[in-house]
Protein backbone atom coordinates (compact mmCIF):
# COMPACT_ATOMS: atom_id res chain seq x y z
CA MET A 1 9.58 0.32 4.45
CA ALA A 2 11.04 -0.39 7.88
CA VAL A 3 14.68 0.27 8.71
CA ILE A 4 16.55 -1.74 11.33
CA LYS A 5 20.25 -2.02 12.05
CA PRO A 6 22.62 -4.15 14.12
CA PHE A 7 24.37 -2.53 17.08
CA LYS A 8 27.02 -3.21 19.70
CA GLY A 9 24.87 -4.28 22.61
CA VAL A 10 25.78 -3.73 26.25
CA ARG A 11 24.62 -6.74 28.22
CA PRO A 12 25.28 -8.96 31.24
CA PRO A 13 27.65 -11.94 31.29
CA GLN A 14 25.90 -15.29 30.99
CA ASN A 15 26.08 -16.05 34.71
CA LEU A 16 24.45 -12.73 35.67
CA ALA A 17 21.66 -12.43 33.10
CA ALA A 18 18.90 -13.69 35.38
CA LYS A 19 20.06 -11.39 38.19
CA VAL A 20 20.38 -8.26 36.05
CA ALA A 21 17.19 -8.73 34.02
CA SER A 22 14.12 -7.12 35.57
CA ARG A 23 10.50 -6.41 34.85
CA PRO A 24 9.89 -3.12 32.97
CA TYR A 25 9.85 0.17 34.88
CA ASP A 26 6.13 0.74 34.33
CA VAL A 27 4.73 -2.52 35.71
CA LEU A 28 6.01 -1.91 39.24
CA ASN A 29 5.47 1.01 41.56
CA SER A 30 8.43 2.29 43.56
CA GLU A 31 7.69 0.24 46.66
CA GLU A 32 7.21 -2.97 44.68
CA ALA A 33 10.50 -2.32 42.87
CA ARG A 34 12.25 -1.60 46.17
CA ILE A 35 11.10 -4.95 47.55
CA GLU A 36 11.97 -6.85 44.36
CA ALA A 37 15.52 -5.46 44.23
CA ALA A 38 16.16 -5.55 47.99
CA ASN A 39 18.52 -8.54 48.02
CA ASN A 40 19.86 -8.10 44.50
CA PRO A 41 22.47 -5.35 43.99
CA GLN A 42 22.67 -6.32 40.30
CA SER A 43 18.99 -5.76 39.49
CA LEU A 44 18.44 -3.40 36.56
CA LEU A 45 15.68 -1.80 38.65
CA ARG A 46 18.49 0.22 40.24
CA ILE A 47 18.97 1.90 36.86
CA ILE A 48 15.43 2.07 35.47
CA LYS A 49 13.78 2.92 38.82
CA PRO A 50 16.65 4.59 40.68
CA GLU A 51 14.31 6.17 43.24
CA ILE A 52 14.54 2.83 45.08
CA GLU A 53 18.03 3.90 46.18
CA PHE A 54 16.49 6.77 48.16
CA PRO A 55 14.12 6.90 51.14
CA ALA A 56 10.46 6.21 50.39
CA GLY A 57 8.68 9.37 49.34
CA THR A 58 11.59 10.77 47.32
CA ASP A 59 10.38 12.56 44.19
CA ASP A 60 10.78 10.08 41.32
CA HIS A 61 11.43 12.96 38.92
CA SER A 62 14.06 14.87 40.89
CA ASP A 63 17.47 15.54 39.33
CA GLU A 64 19.19 13.43 41.97
CA VAL A 65 17.12 10.41 40.98
CA TYR A 66 18.01 10.72 37.28
CA ASP A 67 21.65 11.30 38.26
CA LYS A 68 21.54 8.08 40.27
CA ALA A 69 20.48 6.19 37.15
CA VAL A 70 23.62 7.43 35.41
CA GLU A 71 25.80 6.60 38.40
CA ASN A 72 24.39 3.09 38.64
CA LEU A 73 24.73 2.40 34.91
CA GLN A 74 28.38 3.42 35.10
CA MET A 75 28.86 1.28 38.20
CA PHE A 76 27.26 -1.77 36.52
CA GLN A 77 29.73 -1.39 33.65
CA LYS A 78 32.72 -0.84 35.96
CA GLU A 79 31.81 -3.95 37.98
CA GLY A 80 31.45 -6.02 34.81
CA TRP A 81 27.74 -6.61 35.33
CA LEU A 82 27.15 -5.05 31.91
CA VAL A 83 29.70 -5.55 29.13
CA GLY A 84 29.80 -4.18 25.59
CA ASP A 85 29.85 -6.49 22.57
CA GLU A 86 32.86 -5.94 20.33
CA LYS A 87 30.97 -6.05 17.04
CA GLU A 88 27.55 -5.11 15.79
CA CYS A 89 24.95 -7.84 16.16
CA LEU A 90 21.30 -8.55 15.87
CA TYR A 91 19.83 -10.69 18.63
CA ILE A 92 16.96 -13.10 19.10
CA TYR A 93 14.91 -12.77 22.28
CA ALA A 94 12.35 -15.53 22.87
CA GLN A 95 9.80 -15.77 25.66
CA THR A 96 7.91 -18.83 26.85
CA MET A 97 4.58 -18.63 28.68
CA ASN A 98 2.28 -21.60 29.34
CA GLY A 99 4.27 -23.79 26.95
CA ARG A 100 4.04 -21.29 24.09
CA THR A 101 7.16 -19.48 22.77
CA GLN A 102 7.39 -16.30 20.69
CA TYR A 103 10.60 -15.25 18.94
CA GLY A 104 11.59 -11.59 18.56
CA LEU A 105 14.41 -9.88 16.67
CA VAL A 106 16.31 -7.36 18.77
CA ALA A 107 17.53 -4.52 16.55
CA ALA A 108 17.97 -0.79 16.51
CA ALA A 109 14.86 0.85 15.03
CA ALA A 110 15.08 4.12 13.11
CA VAL A 111 14.07 7.47 14.57
CA ASP A 112 13.01 8.50 11.05
CA ASP A 113 10.56 5.61 10.89
CA TYR A 114 8.80 6.89 14.00
CA LEU A 115 8.77 10.50 12.79
CA ASN A 116 7.51 9.48 9.33
CA GLY A 117 4.84 7.03 10.50
CA VAL A 118 6.50 3.81 9.31
CA ILE A 119 6.45 2.81 12.97
CA LYS A 120 2.72 2.88 13.65
CA LYS A 121 1.08 3.47 17.02
CA HIS A 122 -2.40 2.81 18.38
CA GLU A 123 -2.36 4.71 21.69
CA LEU A 124 -2.08 8.32 22.75
CA THR A 125 0.88 9.28 24.93
CA ARG A 126 1.01 11.68 27.86
CA PRO A 127 3.61 14.47 27.69
CA ASP A 128 4.59 14.04 31.36
CA LYS A 129 5.34 10.35 30.87
CA GLU A 130 7.24 11.07 27.65
CA GLU A 131 9.38 13.65 29.42
CA ASP A 132 10.19 11.26 32.26
CA ARG A 133 11.59 8.66 29.87
CA MET A 134 13.27 11.35 27.75
CA LYS A 135 15.20 12.52 30.82
CA HIS A 136 16.22 8.95 31.51
CA VAL A 137 17.50 8.48 27.94
CA ARG A 138 19.21 11.89 27.87
CA ASN A 139 21.01 11.37 31.16
CA THR A 140 22.06 7.76 30.67
CA ASN A 141 22.85 8.32 26.99
CA ALA A 142 21.26 4.94 26.33
CA ASN A 143 18.06 3.07 25.61
CA VAL A 144 18.22 0.96 28.74
CA GLU A 145 14.87 -0.73 28.10
CA PRO A 146 13.56 -2.07 24.79
CA VAL A 147 10.21 -1.32 23.24
CA PHE A 148 7.92 -4.10 22.01
CA PHE A 149 7.12 -4.02 18.26
CA ALA A 150 5.20 -6.28 15.92
CA TYR A 151 5.83 -6.73 12.21
CA PRO A 152 4.01 -8.63 9.43
CA ALA A 153 5.25 -12.21 9.68
CA HIS A 154 7.77 -13.10 6.96
CA GLN A 155 8.55 -16.73 6.10
CA GLU A 156 12.22 -16.20 5.24
CA ILE A 157 12.91 -14.36 8.50
CA ASP A 158 11.10 -17.12 10.37
CA GLN A 159 13.32 -19.71 8.70
CA MET A 160 16.54 -17.85 9.57
CA VAL A 161 15.45 -17.43 13.19
CA LYS A 162 14.53 -21.12 13.38
CA MET A 163 17.91 -22.13 11.97
CA ILE A 164 19.81 -20.03 14.53
CA VAL A 165 17.70 -21.21 17.46
CA GLU A 166 18.16 -24.86 16.47
CA THR A 167 21.90 -24.70 15.76
CA LYS A 168 23.36 -22.22 18.26
CA VAL A 169 23.61 -22.40 22.02
CA PRO A 170 21.62 -19.56 23.63
CA GLU A 171 23.55 -16.84 25.43
CA TYR A 172 20.87 -16.71 28.11
CA ASN A 173 18.28 -19.29 29.05
CA PHE A 174 16.44 -18.90 32.35
CA VAL A 175 13.03 -18.96 33.96
CA ALA A 176 12.16 -15.80 35.91
CA ASP A 177 10.35 -15.70 39.23
CA ASP A 178 7.02 -15.28 37.44
CA GLY A 179 7.49 -18.65 35.73
CA PHE A 180 8.10 -17.22 32.24
CA GLY A 181 11.08 -18.46 30.24
CA HIS A 182 13.55 -16.06 28.63
CA HIS A 183 15.97 -17.16 25.91
CA PHE A 184 18.53 -15.06 24.03
CA TRP A 185 20.82 -15.70 21.03
CA LEU A 186 23.40 -13.59 19.16
CA ILE A 187 23.20 -13.13 15.41
CA ASP A 188 26.76 -12.15 14.51
CA GLU A 189 27.05 -13.67 11.02
CA PRO A 190 27.40 -10.72 8.57
CA LEU A 191 25.52 -12.41 5.73
CA ILE A 192 22.51 -13.27 7.91
CA ILE A 193 22.45 -9.76 9.41
CA GLU A 194 22.62 -8.23 5.93
CA LYS A 195 19.79 -10.45 4.68
CA ILE A 196 17.46 -9.64 7.60
CA VAL A 197 18.15 -5.90 7.31
CA HIS A 198 17.53 -6.11 3.55
CA ILE A 199 14.18 -7.88 3.99
CA PHE A 200 12.97 -5.24 6.45
CA LYS A 201 14.08 -2.41 4.16
CA ASN A 202 12.44 -3.88 1.07
CA GLU A 203 9.57 -6.11 2.19
CA ILE A 204 8.30 -4.98 5.61
CA PRO A 205 6.10 -1.91 4.99
CA ALA A 206 5.58 -0.99 8.65
CA THR A 207 6.19 -2.01 12.22
CA TYR A 208 3.69 -1.58 15.03
CA VAL A 209 4.14 -0.47 18.64
CA ALA A 210 2.63 -3.29 20.65
CA ASP A 211 3.76 -2.17 24.11
CA GLY A 212 5.85 0.80 25.20
CA HIS A 213 4.35 3.83 23.46
CA HIS A 214 5.92 6.28 25.91
CA ARG A 215 9.37 4.68 25.67
CA THR A 216 9.10 4.70 21.86
CA ALA A 217 8.13 8.37 21.74
CA ALA A 218 10.83 9.32 24.25
CA ALA A 219 13.57 7.45 22.39
CA ALA A 220 12.61 8.97 19.04
CA LEU A 221 12.29 12.50 20.44
CA VAL A 222 15.70 12.32 22.11
CA GLY A 223 17.12 11.18 18.78
CA ALA A 224 15.53 14.23 17.13
CA GLU A 225 17.02 16.45 19.83
CA ARG A 226 20.49 15.04 19.23
CA ARG A 227 20.16 15.86 15.54
CA LYS A 228 19.49 19.50 16.37
CA GLU A 229 22.51 19.50 18.67
CA ASN A 230 24.61 17.96 15.87
CA PRO A 231 23.53 19.74 12.66
CA ASN A 232 26.20 17.95 10.63
CA TYR A 233 24.95 14.50 11.56
CA THR A 234 25.17 11.87 8.81
CA GLY A 235 22.31 9.62 9.88
CA ASP A 236 24.62 6.76 10.81
CA GLU A 237 25.13 7.88 14.42
CA GLU A 238 23.61 5.64 17.06
CA PHE A 239 21.35 8.45 18.30
CA ASN A 240 19.42 8.02 15.05
CA TYR A 241 18.25 4.64 16.33
CA PHE A 242 16.70 3.11 19.44
CA LEU A 243 16.26 -0.31 21.03
CA ALA A 244 13.33 -2.50 19.97
CA VAL A 245 12.31 -6.15 19.96
CA HIS A 246 10.40 -7.02 16.79
CA PHE A 247 7.98 -9.98 16.94
CA PRO A 248 6.10 -11.51 13.99
CA ASP A 249 2.46 -10.50 14.36
CA ASN A 250 1.22 -14.10 14.05
CA GLN A 251 3.14 -15.15 17.17
CA LEU A 252 1.65 -12.52 19.48
CA GLN A 253 -1.37 -12.89 21.68
CA ILE A 254 -3.25 -10.05 23.35
CA ILE A 255 -5.04 -10.93 26.56
CA ASP A 256 -8.11 -9.31 28.05
CA TYR A 257 -8.01 -5.96 29.87
CA ASN A 258 -10.96 -5.70 32.23
CA ARG A 259 -12.79 -3.01 34.23
CA VAL A 260 -14.03 -2.61 37.81
CA VAL A 261 -16.32 0.22 38.97
CA LYS A 262 -16.73 1.59 42.49
CA ASP A 263 -20.50 2.19 42.51
CA LEU A 264 -23.71 1.57 40.57
CA ASN A 265 -24.39 5.28 40.00
CA ASP A 266 -27.42 5.20 42.33
CA LEU A 267 -28.96 2.21 40.55
CA THR A 268 -30.05 -1.03 42.15
CA VAL A 269 -28.79 -4.26 40.56
CA ASP A 270 -32.25 -4.99 39.18
CA GLU A 271 -32.48 -1.50 37.68
CA LEU A 272 -29.05 -1.87 36.10
CA ILE A 273 -29.91 -5.23 34.55
CA THR A 274 -33.17 -3.84 33.17
CA LYS A 275 -31.36 -0.88 31.60
CA LEU A 276 -28.64 -3.13 30.14
CA GLY A 277 -31.39 -5.05 28.37
CA ASP A 278 -31.80 -2.15 25.94
CA ASP A 279 -28.44 -2.95 24.33
CA PHE A 280 -27.58 -6.49 25.46
CA GLU A 281 -29.08 -9.92 25.81
CA VAL A 282 -28.56 -10.46 29.56
CA THR A 283 -28.34 -13.95 31.07
CA LYS A 284 -27.71 -14.72 34.73
CA VAL A 285 -24.98 -17.37 34.99
CA GLY A 286 -24.63 -17.65 38.77
CA SER A 287 -21.62 -17.86 41.07
CA GLU A 288 -19.38 -19.75 38.63
CA ILE A 289 -16.89 -17.49 36.83
CA PHE A 290 -18.02 -16.74 33.28
CA LYS A 291 -15.29 -15.78 30.78
CA PRO A 292 -16.29 -14.31 27.40
CA LYS A 293 -15.44 -16.66 24.54
CA GLU A 294 -16.10 -14.45 21.52
CA LEU A 295 -16.30 -10.85 20.34
CA HIS A 296 -19.21 -8.70 21.53
CA THR A 297 -19.76 -10.97 24.53
CA PHE A 298 -19.05 -9.61 28.00
CA SER A 299 -19.33 -10.85 31.54
CA MET A 300 -20.47 -8.81 34.52
CA TYR A 301 -20.00 -9.63 38.19
CA VAL A 302 -22.16 -7.95 40.79
CA GLU A 303 -23.48 -8.99 44.23
CA GLY A 304 -22.03 -12.51 44.01
CA ASN A 305 -23.36 -13.39 40.56
CA TRP A 306 -21.92 -13.49 37.04
CA TYR A 307 -23.99 -12.37 34.07
CA LYS A 308 -23.45 -12.95 30.36
CA LEU A 309 -23.99 -9.86 28.21
CA VAL A 310 -24.24 -10.23 24.43
CA ALA A 311 -24.30 -6.95 22.51
CA LYS A 312 -27.28 -6.51 20.17
CA ALA A 313 -26.31 -6.15 16.51
CA ASP A 314 -27.55 -2.58 16.22
CA GLY A 315 -25.19 -1.48 19.00
CA TYR A 316 -21.92 -1.54 17.03
CA ASN A 317 -20.52 -1.13 13.54
CA ASP A 318 -18.31 -3.95 12.22
CA ASN A 319 -17.05 -1.66 9.46
CA ASP A 320 -15.70 0.91 11.91
CA PRO A 321 -12.26 -0.14 13.29
CA ILE A 322 -12.95 1.72 16.55
CA GLY A 323 -16.71 1.17 16.80
CA VAL A 324 -16.33 -2.60 16.47
CA LEU A 325 -14.07 -2.85 19.53
CA ASP A 326 -15.63 -4.35 22.63
CA VAL A 327 -13.97 -1.66 24.76
CA THR A 328 -15.86 0.92 22.68
CA ILE A 329 -19.16 -0.93 23.05
CA LEU A 330 -18.68 -1.24 26.81
CA SER A 331 -17.68 2.41 27.15
CA ASN A 332 -20.56 3.75 25.07
CA LYS A 333 -23.38 1.37 26.03
CA VAL A 334 -22.52 0.74 29.68
CA LEU A 335 -19.92 2.94 31.34
CA GLU A 336 -21.02 6.27 29.90
CA LYS A 337 -24.70 5.50 29.42
CA HIS A 338 -25.42 3.99 32.84
CA PHE A 339 -22.47 4.95 35.06
CA ASP A 340 -21.75 8.45 33.75
CA ILE A 341 -18.08 7.55 33.24
CA LYS A 342 -17.02 9.64 30.25
CA ASP A 343 -13.21 9.79 30.51
CA LEU A 344 -11.47 6.52 31.29
CA ARG A 345 -8.16 8.31 31.77
CA THR A 346 -9.29 10.60 34.58
CA ASP A 347 -12.41 9.18 36.24
CA LYS A 348 -11.51 7.91 39.73
CA ARG A 349 -14.54 5.59 39.93
CA ILE A 350 -13.06 3.07 37.47
CA ASP A 351 -9.98 0.87 37.56
CA PHE A 352 -8.45 -1.62 35.15
CA VAL A 353 -7.30 -5.19 35.69
CA GLY A 354 -5.02 -7.06 33.29
CA GLY A 355 -6.29 -10.47 32.29
CA ILE A 356 -3.06 -12.08 33.47
CA ARG A 357 -4.54 -11.80 36.99
CA GLY A 358 -7.55 -13.92 36.02
CA LEU A 359 -11.25 -13.17 36.47
CA GLY A 360 -10.99 -14.24 40.08
CA GLU A 361 -9.30 -10.91 40.71
CA LEU A 362 -12.46 -9.16 39.51
CA SER A 363 -14.78 -11.04 41.86
CA LYS A 364 -12.28 -10.58 44.69
CA ARG A 365 -12.29 -6.80 44.34
CA VAL A 366 -16.08 -6.73 44.26
CA ASP A 367 -16.57 -9.21 47.11
CA ASN A 368 -14.20 -7.32 49.44
CA GLY A 369 -16.25 -4.15 48.98
CA GLU A 370 -13.54 -2.17 47.19
CA MET A 371 -15.57 -2.20 43.97
CA LYS A 372 -19.26 -2.70 43.25
CA VAL A 373 -19.30 -4.24 39.77
CA ALA A 374 -16.81 -5.77 37.35
CA PHE A 375 -16.83 -6.26 33.57
CA ALA A 376 -14.69 -8.73 31.63
CA LEU A 377 -14.08 -8.45 27.88
CA TYR A 378 -12.97 -10.69 25.06
CA PRO A 379 -9.43 -9.62 24.08
CA VAL A 380 -8.60 -7.46 21.10
CA SER A 381 -6.94 -9.30 18.20
CA MET A 382 -3.68 -8.38 16.49
CA LYS A 383 -5.69 -7.84 13.29
CA GLN A 384 -7.85 -5.25 15.06
CA LEU A 385 -4.76 -3.51 16.44
CA ILE A 386 -3.10 -3.39 13.01
CA ASP A 387 -6.31 -2.20 11.30
CA ILE A 388 -6.53 0.67 13.78
CA ALA A 389 -2.88 1.63 13.40
CA ASP A 390 -3.06 1.41 9.59
CA THR A 391 -6.06 3.75 9.49
CA ASN A 392 -4.33 6.23 11.85
CA ASN A 393 -6.91 5.66 14.53
CA ILE A 394 -6.29 5.52 18.26
CA MET A 395 -7.59 2.80 20.55
CA PRO A 396 -9.51 3.74 23.68
CA PRO A 397 -7.42 3.71 26.89
CA LYS A 398 -6.53 0.39 28.51
CA THR A 399 -7.43 -1.79 25.54
CA THR A 400 -4.46 -4.11 25.02
CA TRP A 401 -2.47 -6.19 27.47
CA PHE A 402 0.51 -8.10 26.12
CA GLU A 403 2.02 -10.90 28.15
CA PRO A 404 4.71 -11.91 28.83
CA LYS A 405 6.33 -8.52 29.27
CA LEU A 406 9.82 -8.02 27.91
CA ARG A 407 12.53 -8.37 30.54
CA SER A 408 14.72 -5.28 30.65
CA GLY A 409 18.48 -5.62 30.91
CA LEU A 410 19.21 -8.47 28.50
CA VAL A 411 20.74 -5.90 26.15
CA ILE A 412 21.14 -2.10 26.19
CA HIS A 413 21.65 0.27 23.25
CA LYS A 414 24.11 3.14 23.76
CA LEU A 415 23.57 6.38 21.85
CA ASP A 416 27.27 6.96 21.14
């Protein structure tokens, strides 16, 4: 069963929340972050991407950059831009996108749950990316950014969250530059906290990493390191926990994660379409954007035209949690078979486009000559993600795209 606990959050005053809060470290490159934080000294990007304080070209992973994160965190606290809560709380963090709101519980998740598999993952992590975030956690002695978890929806938790949202004034309530709403409440009533913690411990069998696999691994591994450094630890120390926002699985929506390819692997368009006919029913749609509306249906854009591709039934296995995924079908029956793209992580001929950008981004990248062909997919479902995690399988790279992203900086978890 899943363990969560309240904690004394470090967070901005109400009037600074919108200024401090930033997009996560991994959705912006250094130059984009530098531009975004240029006129905002209070942006959390100065802590989570401290290389922006140095000249362009500075090594993101140098000691001076990590030291700057520590310096800036201390400065934010000294200036009163981040202030510690006096008592342990849980928090509610809600996000609104396109008129739809999802409500997450902010709590400290247990290192043991990650090490023992109660926190389930569906992606592989890269050691270099883990180490980067581990250095950040070690040096700052804090989980500055939350990870994004899902849990099996629970009616009683839903009711308590609804009651708080309807009866308490939010601590933060703002719309960010991207148009997404962010809303934040404190849960400081001991009886409610105790009840929520009890339900997780006794009725929630697992939680699932939705977004932030590297941050999750880094946070848990630093916690394990601290235990070795403190052999007499009791388990109650804050380093045994890390910062997570837990959303009910039935409130989350995964959007499509699409592919663009630089060449046709020496095929003509006609040859490619003929070859695709072995595994798909291929229909030319024309210049109007075609978006897949159901599983096992794909769209392809090449030379100014959209095509509908419907996978033939003998090309996938609905009883295989990996084989049934459309990303698997596309990889096996198209990218590897006809384009000789075998490793999505390393092949330089392929790129990935989050569905938040729309399918117009696919045609744009083909029409401008940067790419030759684009493929759009129907998004993975939360049920598919949970089935894969529950069976200890790993999704292919670049399968899930969650939106909206969590804003970093609404609350921080200190390890001491």
